[in-house]
Amino acid sequence: MSGMPDSWKPIGSMFCKQYQTEVQFYIDEAHASGKRHLVARYEKPPENLFGRDTFMAGIPDNWREEDVIDLILWPMKDDSNAPYPAWEVPARAYNSPTLFRWWAGEKPQ
């Protein structure tokens, strides 16, 4: 995994149980949309990303880096059966291009 854009600020890494691979996290400060994006880059591309190793989602303007990290670390209720990790829930379960606190009752923007 080389060739990261200069606009990708590293914020951490962890093992993703759902996909059985390491994932590195970045904040893209200069996404083409003009909105900051969370970037999850998987060591082994998950099957549901169709061969791509990167998942991206918009970050709400009022979120700090700590809010993004809180979402990344949010425990899934039944981690062993969760089909995707917490940072993918807004996109996969709610069809939202932007992150939100789904566990706190927030709605997609």
N, C-alpha and C. Protein backbone atom coordinates (compact mmCIF):
# COMPACT_ATOMS: atom_id res chain seq x y z
N MET A 1 0.84 -1.18 0.00
CA MET A 1 0.00 0.00 0.00
C MET A 1 0.88 1.23 0.00
N SER A 2 1.23 1.67 -1.16
CA SER A 2 2.05 2.87 -1.25
C SER A 2 1.35 3.89 -2.12
N GLY A 3 1.97 5.04 -2.25
CA GLY A 3 1.42 6.07 -3.12
C GLY A 3 0.22 6.79 -2.53
N MET A 4 0.24 7.06 -1.23
CA MET A 4 -0.86 7.81 -0.62
C MET A 4 -0.81 9.26 -1.08
N PRO A 5 -1.96 9.84 -1.41
CA PRO A 5 -1.96 11.27 -1.74
C PRO A 5 -1.50 12.10 -0.54
N ASP A 6 -0.87 13.22 -0.80
CA ASP A 6 -0.39 14.10 0.26
C ASP A 6 -1.53 14.60 1.15
N SER A 7 -2.75 14.64 0.59
CA SER A 7 -3.90 15.17 1.34
C SER A 7 -4.47 14.14 2.33
N TRP A 8 -3.96 12.90 2.31
CA TRP A 8 -4.44 11.88 3.23
C TRP A 8 -3.64 11.94 4.53
N LYS A 9 -4.29 12.37 5.59
CA LYS A 9 -3.66 12.46 6.92
C LYS A 9 -3.92 11.15 7.67
N PRO A 10 -2.86 10.41 8.05
CA PRO A 10 -3.07 9.15 8.78
C PRO A 10 -3.65 9.41 10.17
N ILE A 11 -4.64 8.59 10.55
CA ILE A 11 -5.22 8.73 11.89
C ILE A 11 -5.21 7.42 12.68
N GLY A 12 -4.75 6.32 12.08
CA GLY A 12 -4.66 5.08 12.83
C GLY A 12 -4.82 3.85 11.96
N SER A 13 -4.73 2.71 12.61
CA SER A 13 -4.92 1.43 11.93
C SER A 13 -5.41 0.42 12.94
N MET A 14 -6.01 -0.67 12.44
CA MET A 14 -6.52 -1.72 13.31
C MET A 14 -6.80 -2.96 12.47
N PHE A 15 -7.09 -4.06 13.15
CA PHE A 15 -7.50 -5.27 12.46
C PHE A 15 -9.01 -5.22 12.32
N CYS A 16 -9.51 -5.45 11.12
CA CYS A 16 -10.95 -5.47 10.85
C CYS A 16 -11.44 -6.91 10.92
N LYS A 17 -12.23 -7.22 11.97
CA LYS A 17 -12.72 -8.58 12.17
C LYS A 17 -13.64 -9.03 11.04
N GLN A 18 -14.48 -8.11 10.55
CA GLN A 18 -15.45 -8.48 9.53
C GLN A 18 -14.77 -8.96 8.25
N TYR A 19 -13.64 -8.36 7.89
CA TYR A 19 -12.96 -8.71 6.64
C TYR A 19 -11.65 -9.46 6.86
N GLN A 20 -11.31 -9.69 8.13
CA GLN A 20 -10.10 -10.44 8.47
C GLN A 20 -8.85 -9.87 7.79
N THR A 21 -8.68 -8.55 7.94
CA THR A 21 -7.52 -7.89 7.35
C THR A 21 -7.20 -6.61 8.12
N GLU A 22 -5.99 -6.15 7.96
CA GLU A 22 -5.59 -4.87 8.54
C GLU A 22 -6.20 -3.73 7.72
N VAL A 23 -6.54 -2.67 8.40
CA VAL A 23 -7.07 -1.48 7.72
C VAL A 23 -6.38 -0.25 8.28
N GLN A 24 -5.98 0.63 7.39
CA GLN A 24 -5.37 1.90 7.78
C GLN A 24 -6.38 3.01 7.49
N PHE A 25 -6.43 3.99 8.40
CA PHE A 25 -7.40 5.07 8.28
C PHE A 25 -6.70 6.40 8.02
N TYR A 26 -7.34 7.19 7.17
CA TYR A 26 -6.83 8.51 6.81
C TYR A 26 -8.01 9.47 6.75
N ILE A 27 -7.71 10.75 6.88
CA ILE A 27 -8.68 11.79 6.55
C ILE A 27 -8.15 12.49 5.32
N ASP A 28 -8.96 12.47 4.26
CA ASP A 28 -8.62 13.16 3.02
C ASP A 28 -9.09 14.60 3.18
N GLU A 29 -8.15 15.50 3.37
CA GLU A 29 -8.44 16.91 3.61
C GLU A 29 -8.75 17.67 2.31
N ALA A 30 -8.50 17.05 1.16
CA ALA A 30 -8.66 17.75 -0.12
C ALA A 30 -9.41 16.89 -1.13
N HIS A 31 -10.49 16.23 -0.69
CA HIS A 31 -11.29 15.40 -1.60
C HIS A 31 -11.89 16.29 -2.70
N ALA A 32 -12.05 15.72 -3.87
CA ALA A 32 -12.56 16.46 -5.04
C ALA A 32 -13.94 17.08 -4.77
N SER A 33 -14.70 16.52 -3.85
CA SER A 33 -16.04 17.04 -3.53
C SER A 33 -15.98 18.34 -2.72
N GLY A 34 -14.81 18.63 -2.16
CA GLY A 34 -14.69 19.79 -1.28
C GLY A 34 -14.99 19.46 0.17
N LYS A 35 -15.44 18.26 0.44
CA LYS A 35 -15.76 17.81 1.79
C LYS A 35 -14.69 16.83 2.26
N ARG A 36 -14.29 16.93 3.53
CA ARG A 36 -13.33 15.96 4.07
C ARG A 36 -13.94 14.57 4.00
N HIS A 37 -13.09 13.57 3.79
CA HIS A 37 -13.54 12.19 3.71
C HIS A 37 -12.70 11.28 4.60
N LEU A 38 -13.38 10.31 5.21
CA LEU A 38 -12.69 9.22 5.88
C LEU A 38 -12.28 8.24 4.79
N VAL A 39 -11.04 7.80 4.84
CA VAL A 39 -10.53 6.80 3.91
C VAL A 39 -10.11 5.59 4.73
N ALA A 40 -10.67 4.43 4.41
CA ALA A 40 -10.26 3.16 5.02
C ALA A 40 -9.58 2.37 3.91
N ARG A 41 -8.32 2.05 4.12
CA ARG A 41 -7.57 1.32 3.09
C ARG A 41 -7.23 -0.06 3.65
N TYR A 42 -7.77 -1.09 3.01
CA TYR A 42 -7.64 -2.46 3.47
C TYR A 42 -6.40 -3.12 2.88
N GLU A 43 -5.70 -3.89 3.72
CA GLU A 43 -4.53 -4.63 3.25
C GLU A 43 -4.95 -5.69 2.23
N LYS A 44 -6.03 -6.39 2.53
CA LYS A 44 -6.60 -7.39 1.62
C LYS A 44 -8.00 -6.90 1.24
N PRO A 45 -8.22 -6.57 -0.03
CA PRO A 45 -9.52 -6.01 -0.43
C PRO A 45 -10.68 -6.94 -0.08
N PRO A 46 -11.70 -6.42 0.62
CA PRO A 46 -12.87 -7.23 0.94
C PRO A 46 -13.65 -7.57 -0.33
N GLU A 47 -14.30 -8.73 -0.33
CA GLU A 47 -15.08 -9.15 -1.50
C GLU A 47 -16.16 -8.14 -1.85
N ASN A 48 -16.79 -7.53 -0.84
CA ASN A 48 -17.90 -6.61 -1.12
C ASN A 48 -17.44 -5.25 -1.66
N LEU A 49 -16.13 -5.05 -1.80
CA LEU A 49 -15.62 -3.83 -2.46
C LEU A 49 -15.17 -4.14 -3.89
N PHE A 50 -15.47 -5.35 -4.34
CA PHE A 50 -15.24 -5.75 -5.73
C PHE A 50 -13.81 -5.50 -6.21
N GLY A 51 -12.85 -5.91 -5.37
CA GLY A 51 -11.45 -5.82 -5.73
C GLY A 51 -10.77 -4.50 -5.37
N ARG A 52 -11.55 -3.51 -4.96
CA ARG A 52 -10.95 -2.24 -4.53
C ARG A 52 -10.47 -2.37 -3.09
N ASP A 53 -9.41 -1.69 -2.75
CA ASP A 53 -8.88 -1.78 -1.39
C ASP A 53 -9.22 -0.57 -0.54
N THR A 54 -10.04 0.34 -1.07
CA THR A 54 -10.32 1.60 -0.39
C THR A 54 -11.82 1.85 -0.26
N PHE A 55 -12.23 2.24 0.93
CA PHE A 55 -13.61 2.66 1.20
C PHE A 55 -13.54 4.12 1.64
N MET A 56 -14.43 4.97 1.12
CA MET A 56 -14.44 6.39 1.49
C MET A 56 -15.84 6.83 1.87
N ALA A 57 -15.93 7.76 2.81
CA ALA A 57 -17.21 8.34 3.22
C ALA A 57 -16.97 9.78 3.65
N GLY A 58 -17.92 10.65 3.33
CA GLY A 58 -17.82 12.06 3.71
C GLY A 58 -17.89 12.24 5.22
N ILE A 59 -17.21 13.25 5.70
CA ILE A 59 -17.20 13.60 7.13
C ILE A 59 -18.02 14.87 7.31
N PRO A 60 -19.00 14.87 8.22
CA PRO A 60 -19.77 16.09 8.46
C PRO A 60 -18.86 17.27 8.82
N ASP A 61 -19.24 18.44 8.38
CA ASP A 61 -18.41 19.64 8.60
C ASP A 61 -18.15 19.91 10.08
N ASN A 62 -19.12 19.57 10.94
CA ASN A 62 -18.96 19.88 12.36
C ASN A 62 -18.24 18.79 13.16
N TRP A 63 -17.78 17.74 12.49
CA TRP A 63 -17.05 16.66 13.18
C TRP A 63 -15.58 16.99 13.30
N ARG A 64 -15.05 16.67 14.48
CA ARG A 64 -13.61 16.77 14.71
C ARG A 64 -12.98 15.40 14.42
N GLU A 65 -11.69 15.35 14.38
CA GLU A 65 -10.99 14.09 14.17
C GLU A 65 -11.40 13.06 15.23
N GLU A 66 -11.61 13.51 16.46
CA GLU A 66 -12.00 12.61 17.55
C GLU A 66 -13.35 11.96 17.28
N ASP A 67 -14.27 12.70 16.63
CA ASP A 67 -15.57 12.13 16.29
C ASP A 67 -15.42 11.00 15.28
N VAL A 68 -14.53 11.18 14.33
CA VAL A 68 -14.28 10.15 13.32
C VAL A 68 -13.69 8.91 14.00
N ILE A 69 -12.73 9.12 14.89
CA ILE A 69 -12.10 7.99 15.60
C ILE A 69 -13.12 7.27 16.47
N ASP A 70 -14.01 8.03 17.13
CA ASP A 70 -15.07 7.40 17.94
C ASP A 70 -15.92 6.46 17.08
N LEU A 71 -16.27 6.89 15.88
CA LEU A 71 -17.07 6.04 15.00
C LEU A 71 -16.28 4.80 14.59
N ILE A 72 -15.02 4.98 14.24
CA ILE A 72 -14.18 3.84 13.83
C ILE A 72 -14.13 2.80 14.94
N LEU A 73 -14.03 3.24 16.18
CA LEU A 73 -13.88 2.33 17.31
C LEU A 73 -15.20 1.87 17.92
N TRP A 74 -16.33 2.37 17.37
CA TRP A 74 -17.62 2.01 17.94
C TRP A 74 -17.82 0.49 17.88
N PRO A 75 -18.12 -0.15 19.01
CA PRO A 75 -18.29 -1.61 19.00
C PRO A 75 -19.63 -2.00 18.38
N MET A 76 -19.59 -2.97 17.49
CA MET A 76 -20.82 -3.50 16.91
C MET A 76 -21.47 -4.40 17.96
N LYS A 77 -22.82 -4.42 18.03
CA LYS A 77 -23.52 -5.21 19.04
C LYS A 77 -23.11 -6.67 19.02
N ASP A 78 -23.13 -7.27 17.87
CA ASP A 78 -22.72 -8.67 17.74
C ASP A 78 -21.59 -8.72 16.72
N ASP A 79 -20.41 -8.38 17.20
CA ASP A 79 -19.24 -8.22 16.33
C ASP A 79 -18.98 -9.44 15.43
N SER A 80 -19.28 -10.62 15.94
CA SER A 80 -18.97 -11.82 15.16
C SER A 80 -19.91 -11.99 13.96
N ASN A 81 -21.12 -11.41 14.03
CA ASN A 81 -22.08 -11.54 12.94
C ASN A 81 -22.32 -10.24 12.18
N ALA A 82 -21.67 -9.17 12.57
CA ALA A 82 -21.85 -7.90 11.87
C ALA A 82 -21.29 -8.04 10.45
N PRO A 83 -22.09 -7.71 9.44
CA PRO A 83 -21.63 -7.92 8.07
C PRO A 83 -20.58 -6.91 7.60
N TYR A 84 -20.49 -5.77 8.27
CA TYR A 84 -19.50 -4.77 7.90
C TYR A 84 -19.11 -3.99 9.15
N PRO A 85 -17.96 -3.32 9.10
CA PRO A 85 -17.48 -2.57 10.27
C PRO A 85 -18.25 -1.27 10.48
N ALA A 86 -18.12 -0.70 11.66
CA ALA A 86 -18.89 0.50 12.05
C ALA A 86 -18.76 1.65 11.07
N TRP A 87 -17.57 1.87 10.52
CA TRP A 87 -17.38 3.01 9.63
C TRP A 87 -18.08 2.84 8.29
N GLU A 88 -18.50 1.62 7.96
CA GLU A 88 -19.22 1.40 6.71
C GLU A 88 -20.73 1.38 6.89
N VAL A 89 -21.23 1.35 8.13
CA VAL A 89 -22.67 1.27 8.38
C VAL A 89 -23.45 2.41 7.71
N PRO A 90 -23.04 3.68 7.83
CA PRO A 90 -23.83 4.73 7.17
C PRO A 90 -24.03 4.49 5.67
N ALA A 91 -22.99 4.05 4.98
CA ALA A 91 -23.09 3.83 3.54
C ALA A 91 -23.86 2.55 3.22
N ARG A 92 -23.57 1.48 3.92
CA ARG A 92 -24.12 0.18 3.54
C ARG A 92 -25.54 -0.05 4.08
N ALA A 93 -25.82 0.38 5.29
CA ALA A 93 -27.14 0.14 5.88
C ALA A 93 -28.12 1.28 5.59
N TYR A 94 -27.60 2.50 5.37
CA TYR A 94 -28.47 3.66 5.20
C TYR A 94 -28.29 4.36 3.85
N ASN A 95 -27.40 3.84 3.01
CA ASN A 95 -27.13 4.43 1.70
C ASN A 95 -26.74 5.91 1.81
N SER A 96 -25.98 6.25 2.85
CA SER A 96 -25.55 7.63 3.08
C SER A 96 -24.10 7.82 2.66
N PRO A 97 -23.82 8.82 1.86
CA PRO A 97 -22.43 9.09 1.48
C PRO A 97 -21.63 9.77 2.59
N THR A 98 -22.34 10.17 3.66
CA THR A 98 -21.71 10.91 4.76
C THR A 98 -21.88 10.15 6.07
N LEU A 99 -20.84 10.16 6.88
CA LEU A 99 -20.88 9.52 8.20
C LEU A 99 -21.91 10.19 9.09
N PHE A 100 -22.48 9.43 10.02
CA PHE A 100 -23.35 9.98 11.06
C PHE A 100 -23.39 8.99 12.21
N ARG A 101 -23.86 9.46 13.37
CA ARG A 101 -23.89 8.63 14.58
C ARG A 101 -25.18 7.80 14.58
N TRP A 102 -25.21 6.75 13.80
CA TRP A 102 -26.39 5.90 13.67
C TRP A 102 -26.78 5.27 15.00
N TRP A 103 -25.82 4.96 15.85
CA TRP A 103 -26.09 4.31 17.14
C TRP A 103 -26.76 5.26 18.13
N ALA A 104 -26.67 6.59 17.85
CA ALA A 104 -27.27 7.59 18.74
C ALA A 104 -28.59 8.11 18.19
N GLY A 105 -29.11 7.46 17.15
CA GLY A 105 -30.39 7.86 16.59
C GLY A 105 -30.33 8.96 15.55
N GLU A 106 -29.12 9.40 15.19
CA GLU A 106 -29.02 10.41 14.13
C GLU A 106 -29.49 9.81 12.81
N LYS A 107 -29.94 10.66 11.93
CA LYS A 107 -30.41 10.25 10.60
C LYS A 107 -29.40 10.69 9.54
N PRO A 108 -29.40 10.00 8.39
CA PRO A 108 -28.50 10.42 7.30
C PRO A 108 -28.81 11.85 6.85
N GLN A 109 -27.77 12.53 6.38
CA GLN A 109 -27.97 13.90 5.90
C GLN A 109 -28.33 13.91 4.45
